[in-house]
Amino acid sequence: MANFTGYRCSICGQELGPEDVQYTCPHDGGNLDVILDYDRLRRDVSPGDIRRSAESSIWRYLPLLPVQDPGHLGTPLRAVGWTPLFDLQPIAGKLGLGKLWLKDDGRNPTASFKDRASAITVARAQEIGVDVIVTASTGNAGAALAGMAGAAKMPAVILAPKTAPPAKIAQILIFGARVVLVEGTYDDAFDLTIQAAEKFGWYCRNTGYNPFTAEGKKTAAFEICEQLSIENDGESSGEERWLTPDAVFVSVGDGNIISGLHKGFKDLHTLGWIDTIPRLYGIQSEGSAAIYNAFQAGSEEIQPVSADTLADSISVDQPRDGLRALRAATETGGAYIAVPDSAILEAIAELGREAAVFAEPAGAAAYAGLLAAVEQNFLAEGDRVVVLNTGNGLKDVARAMDAAGEPIVIEPTLKALQSALDVDAKKNGGG
């Protein structure tokens, strides 16, 4: 493919050809960045070309992706991305921000951000002619891969910890993938997946291991910039330049989402399509904060932790894309923030009440991080901020009930209903 010229190691900086390597750097095991032919892209593609595309999915950005068109029209594989960017101006005013948007990736076909990476890796798997694609997952990546592979009629195998939420496992099974639950952690499943891929010749989609996952996740950065330019047509037509927010908040587990966003903004900046790269803020649970710990120590040595958090999607002992994730914050002037699980539960409820968005714990963690950032004066008055919700709350109903509380049960009488309404009004500060 003319726009995919090779890889660059995130540790040693060595460049490798497209056929030289499949997953990580053979010299030091570093994660690989995909290199595009930026000179050709500057010459042949413009923001206006993308703006005029009739495609309402990640595939509108096909010229900026390292894969060919995967086909499969009319399937979920072609419905990934172009998720809404909601304007939360009332909340922005309360927080002293200039603008606040929520990008809701819970609207993707399998209800999570992970569809982006899975769509691209399935397209790549088709191109290289593999028979089976495999991944480790706490649930979302597995459901995303199962859905995208199912759309492409490609067999998929998912290894997940036994503790994964039942709703996510049900999704994987419904899409027809083979599911194996591991008596252990996500990290145990991750290592076993790599061994299985080597043994059986499967293509491994693992987050923070397969370089094409970040290429899928970077499409959210493209969408944020293009959608802001559309919203602000009076300021920019989107024909030559796109707009950027001042800051983006995203939850972090393995680190691949924030590193993918960073790659997307860097691609656009390299092409000259945006003027600045926004500050990136990575939000971790206090119970799974390996990258936050390194950021606080001013070190690029990321030490594993024993993860213990209700936000299963970001529950990781050893972040597999930790270095690039750390640099996404340090290189953009952002930061890492750790929030307690109690704040994540409160954020689920607040997003539902204030923004009408039902977020799973990992997605709500980003909003909890924004609130913490405001309290800690990380942001300037008037900043324009995007918060990324990475998954729908139906992925983990048990945690949603923890956040919302139990409903009132009454006898079927008007008197009982009136009494319940009175109690509820008093509880919520009414008269």
Protein backbone atom coordinates (compact mmCIF):
# COMPACT_ATOMS: atom_id res chain seq x y z
CA MET A 1 0.00 0.00 0.00
CA ALA A 2 1.39 3.35 -1.05
CA ASN A 3 0.48 5.17 2.18
CA PHE A 4 2.00 2.56 4.54
CA THR A 5 5.78 2.67 4.40
CA GLY A 6 6.89 0.87 7.57
CA TYR A 7 7.27 1.09 11.33
CA ARG A 8 9.30 3.03 13.89
CA CYS A 9 10.18 1.60 17.32
CA SER A 10 9.00 3.74 20.24
CA ILE A 11 12.10 2.82 22.26
CA CYS A 12 15.13 2.66 19.97
CA GLY A 13 13.69 4.71 17.11
CA GLN A 14 14.79 2.19 14.47
CA GLU A 15 12.69 2.12 11.31
CA LEU A 16 11.56 -1.20 9.86
CA GLY A 17 9.94 -2.11 6.56
CA PRO A 18 6.32 -3.30 6.27
CA GLU A 19 7.46 -6.89 5.81
CA ASP A 20 10.23 -6.86 8.42
CA VAL A 21 8.10 -7.35 11.51
CA GLN A 22 4.56 -8.22 12.59
CA TYR A 23 4.10 -6.98 16.14
CA THR A 24 6.89 -5.41 18.24
CA CYS A 25 10.50 -4.31 17.72
CA PRO A 26 12.77 -7.36 17.33
CA HIS A 27 15.62 -5.50 19.03
CA ASP A 28 14.05 -4.34 22.29
CA GLY A 29 10.39 -5.38 22.23
CA GLY A 30 9.21 -1.77 21.91
CA ASN A 31 5.79 -0.90 20.54
CA LEU A 32 5.85 0.13 16.89
CA ASP A 33 4.40 3.27 15.33
CA VAL A 34 3.05 2.87 11.81
CA ILE A 35 4.72 5.25 9.35
CA LEU A 36 2.67 6.71 6.51
CA ASP A 37 3.88 8.35 3.31
CA TYR A 38 3.24 11.86 4.56
CA ASP A 39 4.77 13.56 1.52
CA ARG A 40 2.38 11.76 -0.80
CA LEU A 41 -0.57 12.44 1.50
CA ARG A 42 0.19 16.17 1.63
CA ARG A 43 0.23 16.20 -2.14
CA ASP A 44 -2.80 14.03 -2.83
CA VAL A 45 -5.25 14.47 0.07
CA SER A 46 -6.76 17.52 1.78
CA PRO A 47 -9.15 18.10 4.69
CA GLY A 48 -11.70 19.18 2.12
CA ASP A 49 -11.50 15.78 0.40
CA ILE A 50 -12.37 14.09 3.68
CA ARG A 51 -15.09 16.63 4.44
CA ARG A 52 -16.82 15.84 1.15
CA SER A 53 -16.80 12.08 1.77
CA ALA A 54 -20.19 10.38 1.90
CA GLU A 55 -18.80 7.75 4.31
CA SER A 56 -20.02 8.24 7.90
CA SER A 57 -17.57 5.94 9.66
CA ILE A 58 -13.84 5.56 10.26
CA TRP A 59 -13.52 4.56 6.62
CA ARG A 60 -13.96 8.22 5.56
CA TYR A 61 -10.30 8.47 6.67
CA LEU A 62 -9.14 5.59 4.48
CA PRO A 63 -6.37 7.70 2.83
CA LEU A 64 -4.84 8.19 6.31
CA LEU A 65 -5.03 4.51 7.28
CA PRO A 66 -2.49 1.74 6.63
CA VAL A 67 -5.07 -0.73 5.29
CA GLN A 68 -7.13 -1.14 2.16
CA ASP A 69 -10.90 -0.83 1.99
CA PRO A 70 -12.20 -3.98 3.76
CA GLY A 71 -15.46 -4.14 1.82
CA HIS A 72 -18.35 -5.78 3.69
CA LEU A 73 -20.80 -2.99 2.94
CA GLY A 74 -23.93 -2.97 5.05
CA THR A 75 -22.30 -4.71 8.02
CA PRO A 76 -21.14 -3.47 11.45
CA LEU A 77 -17.58 -3.43 10.10
CA ARG A 78 -18.59 -0.41 8.02
CA ALA A 79 -20.49 1.30 10.84
CA VAL A 80 -17.63 1.91 13.25
CA GLY A 81 -16.86 5.46 14.29
CA TRP A 82 -18.22 8.93 13.47
CA THR A 83 -19.74 8.87 16.94
CA PRO A 84 -21.46 11.99 18.26
CA LEU A 85 -19.68 14.89 19.93
CA PHE A 86 -22.16 16.29 22.44
CA ASP A 87 -21.98 19.93 23.56
CA LEU A 88 -22.18 20.04 27.38
CA GLN A 89 -22.24 23.81 27.72
CA PRO A 90 -24.23 23.94 30.99
CA ILE A 91 -21.58 21.77 32.66
CA ALA A 92 -18.82 23.83 31.04
CA GLY A 93 -20.22 26.94 32.66
CA LYS A 94 -20.29 25.35 36.10
CA LEU A 95 -16.70 24.17 35.75
CA GLY A 96 -15.38 27.48 34.40
CA LEU A 97 -14.52 26.04 31.00
CA GLY A 98 -14.94 27.77 27.68
CA LYS A 99 -16.47 24.71 26.03
CA LEU A 100 -16.99 21.09 27.00
CA TRP A 101 -17.84 18.23 24.67
CA LEU A 102 -18.40 14.55 25.33
CA LYS A 103 -17.52 12.14 22.54
CA ASP A 104 -19.70 9.11 23.09
CA ASP A 105 -18.05 5.99 21.71
CA GLY A 106 -20.63 3.88 23.47
CA ARG A 107 -22.60 4.43 20.23
CA ASN A 108 -20.30 2.10 18.24
CA PRO A 109 -21.72 -1.20 16.88
CA THR A 110 -20.61 -3.29 19.88
CA ALA A 111 -20.98 -0.29 22.23
CA SER A 112 -17.31 0.51 22.86
CA PHE A 113 -14.32 2.43 21.55
CA LYS A 114 -12.57 -0.90 20.91
CA ASP A 115 -14.51 -1.34 17.65
CA ARG A 116 -12.10 1.12 16.04
CA ALA A 117 -9.03 -1.04 16.65
CA SER A 118 -10.84 -4.26 15.84
CA ALA A 119 -12.12 -2.98 12.49
CA ILE A 120 -8.60 -2.01 11.40
CA THR A 121 -6.97 -5.24 12.62
CA VAL A 122 -9.63 -7.34 10.91
CA ALA A 123 -8.94 -5.44 7.68
CA ARG A 124 -5.22 -6.08 8.14
CA ALA A 125 -5.84 -9.77 8.86
CA GLN A 126 -7.76 -10.06 5.61
CA GLU A 127 -4.92 -8.47 3.67
CA ILE A 128 -2.24 -10.82 4.99
CA GLY A 129 -4.45 -13.87 4.56
CA VAL A 130 -4.65 -15.24 8.10
CA ASP A 131 -7.29 -17.82 9.01
CA VAL A 132 -7.94 -17.00 12.68
CA ILE A 133 -7.63 -13.79 14.72
CA VAL A 134 -7.19 -13.88 18.50
CA THR A 135 -7.10 -11.40 21.38
CA ALA A 136 -6.96 -11.13 25.14
CA SER A 137 -9.64 -8.95 26.66
CA THR A 138 -11.44 -7.93 29.82
CA GLY A 139 -14.53 -7.89 27.62
CA ASN A 140 -14.78 -4.87 25.33
CA ALA A 141 -11.91 -5.68 22.98
CA GLY A 142 -13.16 -9.26 22.77
CA ALA A 143 -16.71 -8.19 21.95
CA ALA A 144 -15.41 -5.71 19.40
CA LEU A 145 -13.21 -8.30 17.73
CA ALA A 146 -15.98 -10.88 17.77
CA GLY A 147 -18.37 -8.42 16.13
CA MET A 148 -15.96 -7.16 13.48
CA ALA A 149 -14.61 -10.64 12.72
CA GLY A 150 -18.15 -11.95 12.51
CA ALA A 151 -19.01 -9.26 9.96
CA ALA A 152 -16.00 -10.36 7.90
CA LYS A 153 -16.83 -14.07 8.37
CA MET A 154 -13.47 -14.61 10.04
CA PRO A 155 -13.03 -17.04 12.97
CA ALA A 156 -12.04 -15.36 16.23
CA VAL A 157 -10.80 -16.68 19.57
CA ILE A 158 -11.12 -14.58 22.74
CA LEU A 159 -9.27 -15.21 26.00
CA ALA A 160 -10.73 -13.31 28.94
CA PRO A 161 -10.32 -13.44 32.71
CA LYS A 162 -13.07 -15.38 34.46
CA THR A 163 -14.03 -12.17 36.30
CA ALA A 164 -15.05 -10.30 33.12
CA PRO A 165 -18.60 -8.85 33.31
CA PRO A 166 -21.21 -11.37 32.09
CA ALA A 167 -22.76 -8.87 29.66
CA LYS A 168 -19.47 -8.57 27.78
CA ILE A 169 -18.98 -12.32 27.63
CA ALA A 170 -22.55 -12.73 26.37
CA GLN A 171 -21.80 -10.28 23.55
CA ILE A 172 -18.73 -12.25 22.50
CA LEU A 173 -20.65 -15.52 22.47
CA ILE A 174 -23.57 -14.06 20.52
CA PHE A 175 -21.20 -12.90 17.77
CA GLY A 176 -19.99 -16.47 17.36
CA ALA A 177 -16.41 -16.22 18.59
CA ARG A 178 -14.83 -18.98 20.64
CA VAL A 179 -14.47 -17.79 24.23
CA VAL A 180 -12.04 -19.23 26.75
CA LEU A 181 -12.18 -17.87 30.31
CA VAL A 182 -8.86 -17.87 32.14
CA GLU A 183 -8.43 -18.52 35.85
CA GLY A 184 -6.25 -15.47 36.28
CA THR A 185 -5.86 -11.82 35.36
CA TYR A 186 -6.06 -9.95 32.07
CA ASP A 187 -2.26 -10.00 32.03
CA ASP A 188 -2.29 -13.82 32.27
CA ALA A 189 -4.73 -13.96 29.35
CA PHE A 190 -2.55 -11.53 27.37
CA ASP A 191 0.58 -13.66 27.74
CA LEU A 192 -1.31 -16.85 26.90
CA THR A 193 -2.74 -15.24 23.77
CA ILE A 194 0.72 -14.43 22.45
CA GLN A 195 1.86 -18.01 23.08
CA ALA A 196 -1.22 -19.38 21.31
CA ALA A 197 -0.75 -17.08 18.30
CA GLU A 198 2.85 -18.28 17.93
CA LYS A 199 1.87 -21.93 18.36
CA PHE A 200 -1.16 -22.03 16.08
CA GLY A 201 -0.28 -19.35 13.53
CA TRP A 202 -3.15 -17.07 14.53
CA TYR A 203 -3.09 -13.30 14.02
CA CYS A 204 -2.89 -11.54 17.40
CA ARG A 205 -4.94 -8.37 17.84
CA ASN A 206 -3.72 -7.70 21.39
CA THR A 207 -3.87 -4.08 22.50
CA GLY A 208 -0.43 -2.54 22.92
CA TYR A 209 1.15 -5.38 20.95
CA ASN A 210 -0.30 -5.20 17.44
CA PRO A 211 0.71 -1.83 15.90
CA PHE A 212 -2.50 -1.62 13.89
CA THR A 213 -4.64 -1.23 17.04
CA ALA A 214 -3.39 2.33 17.57
CA GLU A 215 -4.14 3.05 13.91
CA GLY A 216 -7.78 2.27 14.58
CA LYS A 217 -7.89 4.27 17.77
CA LYS A 218 -6.31 7.34 16.18
CA THR A 219 -9.48 7.79 14.11
CA ALA A 220 -11.18 9.31 17.17
CA ALA A 221 -8.65 12.15 17.02
CA PHE A 222 -9.50 12.67 13.35
CA GLU A 223 -13.21 12.81 14.17
CA ILE A 224 -12.79 15.24 17.06
CA CYS A 225 -10.93 17.71 14.84
CA GLU A 226 -13.23 17.37 11.86
CA GLN A 227 -16.39 17.56 13.98
CA LEU A 228 -15.14 20.69 15.73
CA SER A 229 -14.44 22.29 12.36
CA ILE A 230 -17.97 21.46 11.20
CA GLU A 231 -19.46 22.90 14.40
CA ASN A 232 -17.42 26.08 13.96
CA ASP A 233 -17.95 26.67 10.24
CA GLY A 234 -17.86 30.42 10.78
CA GLU A 235 -14.33 30.11 12.13
CA SER A 236 -13.03 27.44 9.77
CA SER A 237 -14.59 25.84 6.74
CA GLY A 238 -12.65 22.64 7.29
CA GLU A 239 -11.35 22.81 3.74
CA GLU A 240 -7.73 23.56 4.65
CA ARG A 241 -7.50 23.33 8.44
CA TRP A 242 -9.35 21.52 11.18
CA LEU A 243 -9.82 22.74 14.74
CA THR A 244 -8.55 21.19 17.96
CA PRO A 245 -9.67 21.42 21.56
CA ASP A 246 -7.25 22.63 24.20
CA ALA A 247 -7.41 19.36 26.12
CA VAL A 248 -8.71 15.79 25.81
CA PHE A 249 -9.50 13.54 28.79
CA VAL A 250 -9.48 9.76 28.37
CA SER A 251 -9.32 6.78 30.70
CA VAL A 252 -6.18 4.65 30.55
CA GLY A 253 -5.54 0.96 31.22
CA ASP A 254 -3.11 -0.67 28.80
CA GLY A 255 -2.46 2.78 27.35
CA ASN A 256 -3.30 2.09 23.73
CA ILE A 257 -6.25 4.47 23.43
CA ILE A 258 -4.36 7.55 24.59
CA SER A 259 -1.33 6.58 22.49
CA GLY A 260 -3.63 6.09 19.51
CA LEU A 261 -5.19 9.52 20.04
CA HIS A 262 -1.70 11.00 20.27
CA LYS A 263 -0.74 9.31 16.99
CA GLY A 264 -3.86 10.68 15.32
CA PHE A 265 -3.22 14.26 16.38
CA LYS A 266 0.46 13.93 15.37
CA ASP A 267 -0.53 12.61 11.95
CA LEU A 268 -2.80 15.60 11.37
CA HIS A 269 -0.17 18.03 12.62
CA THR A 270 2.50 16.48 10.40
CA LEU A 271 0.18 16.86 7.43
CA GLY A 272 -0.46 20.49 8.35
CA TRP A 273 -4.19 19.92 8.85
CA ILE A 274 -4.20 21.20 12.46
CA ASP A 275 -2.13 23.97 14.01
CA THR A 276 -1.66 22.53 17.49
CA ILE A 277 -1.86 19.21 19.32
CA PRO A 278 -4.16 19.29 22.36
CA ARG A 279 -2.97 18.47 25.85
CA LEU A 280 -3.78 14.85 26.64
CA TYR A 281 -4.87 13.84 30.14
CA GLY A 282 -4.77 10.16 31.02
CA ILE A 283 -7.12 9.09 33.80
CA GLN A 284 -6.48 5.94 35.81
CA SER A 285 -8.25 4.34 38.73
CA GLU A 286 -6.27 4.60 41.96
CA GLY A 287 -6.46 0.81 42.04
CA SER A 288 -4.76 0.44 38.65
CA ALA A 289 -2.38 3.37 38.36
CA ALA A 290 0.94 2.12 37.02
CA ILE A 291 1.34 4.91 34.45
CA TYR A 292 0.15 7.57 36.88
CA ASN A 293 2.79 6.39 39.36
CA ALA A 294 5.52 6.76 36.74
CA PHE A 295 4.24 10.21 35.75
CA GLN A 296 4.29 11.34 39.38
CA ALA A 297 7.84 10.03 39.77
CA GLY A 298 9.00 11.81 36.62
CA SER A 299 10.17 8.48 35.23
CA GLU A 300 9.62 6.43 32.09
CA GLU A 301 10.12 3.23 34.09
CA ILE A 302 6.62 1.87 34.55
CA GLN A 303 6.40 -0.62 37.39
CA PRO A 304 3.56 -3.17 37.43
CA VAL A 305 0.87 -3.02 40.10
CA SER A 306 -1.68 -5.48 41.46
CA ALA A 307 -4.75 -3.95 39.86
CA ASP A 308 -7.91 -3.75 41.93
CA THR A 309 -10.65 -1.54 40.51
CA LEU A 310 -14.33 -1.84 39.61
CA ALA A 311 -13.49 -0.33 36.19
CA ASP A 312 -12.62 -3.65 34.57
CA SER A 313 -11.77 -2.15 31.18
CA ILE A 314 -8.83 -0.24 32.69
CA SER A 315 -7.83 -2.87 35.26
CA VAL A 316 -4.28 -3.75 34.23
CA ASP A 317 -1.23 -4.88 36.20
CA GLN A 318 1.36 -4.13 33.51
CA PRO A 319 0.33 -1.58 30.84
CA ARG A 320 1.40 -3.03 27.48
CA ASP A 321 1.55 0.36 25.79
CA GLY A 322 2.68 2.25 28.87
CA LEU A 323 5.64 4.16 27.45
CA ARG A 324 3.75 5.66 24.51
CA ALA A 325 0.80 6.36 26.82
CA LEU A 326 3.05 8.19 29.26
CA ARG A 327 4.62 10.24 26.48
CA ALA A 328 1.18 11.15 25.13
CA ALA A 329 0.74 13.26 28.25
CA THR A 330 4.30 14.48 28.77
CA GLU A 331 4.89 15.47 25.14
CA THR A 332 1.64 17.44 24.89
CA GLY A 333 1.82 19.25 28.22
CA GLY A 334 -0.94 17.12 29.71
CA ALA A 335 -0.88 14.98 32.82
CA TYR A 336 -1.96 11.77 34.51
CA ILE A 337 -4.63 11.85 37.18
CA ALA A 338 -5.75 8.99 39.45
CA VAL A 339 -9.31 8.87 40.77
CA PRO A 340 -10.92 6.58 43.35
CA ASP A 341 -13.58 4.08 42.35
CA SER A 342 -16.11 6.06 44.38
CA ALA A 343 -15.54 9.06 42.09
CA ILE A 344 -16.02 6.84 39.04
CA LEU A 345 -19.40 5.66 40.33
CA GLU A 346 -20.44 9.26 41.01
CA ALA A 347 -19.36 10.20 37.48
CA ILE A 348 -21.56 7.46 35.98
CA ALA A 349 -24.58 8.92 37.74
CA GLU A 350 -23.69 12.54 36.92
CA LEU A 351 -23.16 11.85 33.22
CA GLY A 352 -26.55 10.17 33.13
CA ARG A 353 -28.32 13.05 34.87
CA GLU A 354 -26.47 15.98 33.31
CA ALA A 355 -25.59 14.71 29.83
CA ALA A 356 -28.07 11.86 29.21
CA VAL A 357 -25.13 9.55 28.46
CA PHE A 358 -24.93 6.08 30.01
CA ALA A 359 -21.23 5.35 30.51
CA GLU A 360 -19.54 2.23 31.77
CA PRO A 361 -17.01 2.70 34.60
CA ALA A 362 -13.95 3.11 32.37
CA GLY A 363 -15.71 5.75 30.28
CA ALA A 364 -16.96 7.62 33.33
CA ALA A 365 -13.42 7.63 34.75
CA ALA A 366 -12.48 10.24 32.14
CA TYR A 367 -15.21 12.57 33.41
CA ALA A 368 -14.19 11.93 37.01
CA GLY A 369 -10.67 12.91 35.94
CA LEU A 370 -11.94 16.16 34.44
CA LEU A 371 -13.63 17.07 37.72
CA ALA A 372 -10.41 16.29 39.60
CA ALA A 373 -8.41 18.37 37.10
CA VAL A 374 -10.66 21.37 37.68
CA GLU A 375 -10.25 21.01 41.46
CA GLN A 376 -6.46 20.74 41.10
CA ASN A 377 -6.25 23.73 38.73
CA PHE A 378 -4.87 21.77 35.79
CA LEU A 379 -7.07 23.75 33.40
CA ALA A 380 -7.28 27.43 32.54
CA GLU A 381 -10.48 29.41 32.53
CA GLY A 382 -11.95 29.27 29.06
CA ASP A 383 -10.25 26.00 28.04
CA ARG A 384 -12.05 24.00 25.36
CA VAL A 385 -12.17 20.37 26.51
CA VAL A 386 -13.25 17.01 25.09
CA VAL A 387 -14.03 14.06 27.37
CA LEU A 388 -14.08 10.63 25.74
CA ASN A 389 -16.60 8.04 26.89
CA THR A 390 -15.20 4.69 25.82
CA GLY A 391 -18.14 2.38 26.48
CA ASN A 392 -21.87 2.03 27.13
CA GLY A 393 -23.10 1.43 30.67
CA LEU A 394 -25.06 -1.66 29.66
CA LYS A 395 -21.67 -3.37 29.48
CA ASP A 396 -21.65 -3.52 33.29
CA VAL A 397 -25.14 -3.24 34.73
CA ALA A 398 -24.05 -4.23 38.23
CA ARG A 399 -21.82 -1.15 38.52
CA ALA A 400 -24.53 1.02 37.02
CA MET A 401 -26.88 -0.08 39.79
CA ASP A 402 -24.19 0.70 42.33
CA ALA A 403 -24.07 4.21 40.89
CA ALA A 404 -27.80 4.77 40.51
CA GLY A 405 -29.15 2.98 43.59
CA GLU A 406 -32.11 0.64 43.80
CA PRO A 407 -35.59 1.73 42.64
CA ILE A 408 -38.47 2.07 45.08
CA VAL A 409 -40.93 -0.86 45.22
CA ILE A 410 -44.56 -0.07 46.09
CA GLU A 411 -47.99 -1.63 46.20
CA PRO A 412 -50.13 -0.78 43.14
CA THR A 413 -52.09 2.04 44.78
CA LEU A 414 -52.17 5.80 44.23
CA LYS A 415 -51.57 6.37 47.95
CA ALA A 416 -48.40 4.28 47.86
CA LEU A 417 -47.24 6.09 44.72
CA GLN A 418 -47.82 9.51 46.31
CA SER A 419 -45.92 8.46 49.41
CA ALA A 420 -43.02 7.19 47.30
CA LEU A 421 -42.92 10.42 45.28
CA ASP A 422 -42.89 12.48 48.49
CA VAL A 423 -39.98 10.44 49.87
CA ASP A 424 -38.10 10.77 46.59
CA ALA A 425 -38.68 14.54 46.47
CA LYS A 426 -37.33 15.01 49.98
CA LYS A 427 -34.30 12.85 49.19
CA ASN A 428 -33.51 15.01 46.16
CA GLY A 429 -34.02 18.33 47.93
CA GLY A 430 -37.56 19.00 46.80
CA GLY A 431 -40.46 20.28 48.85
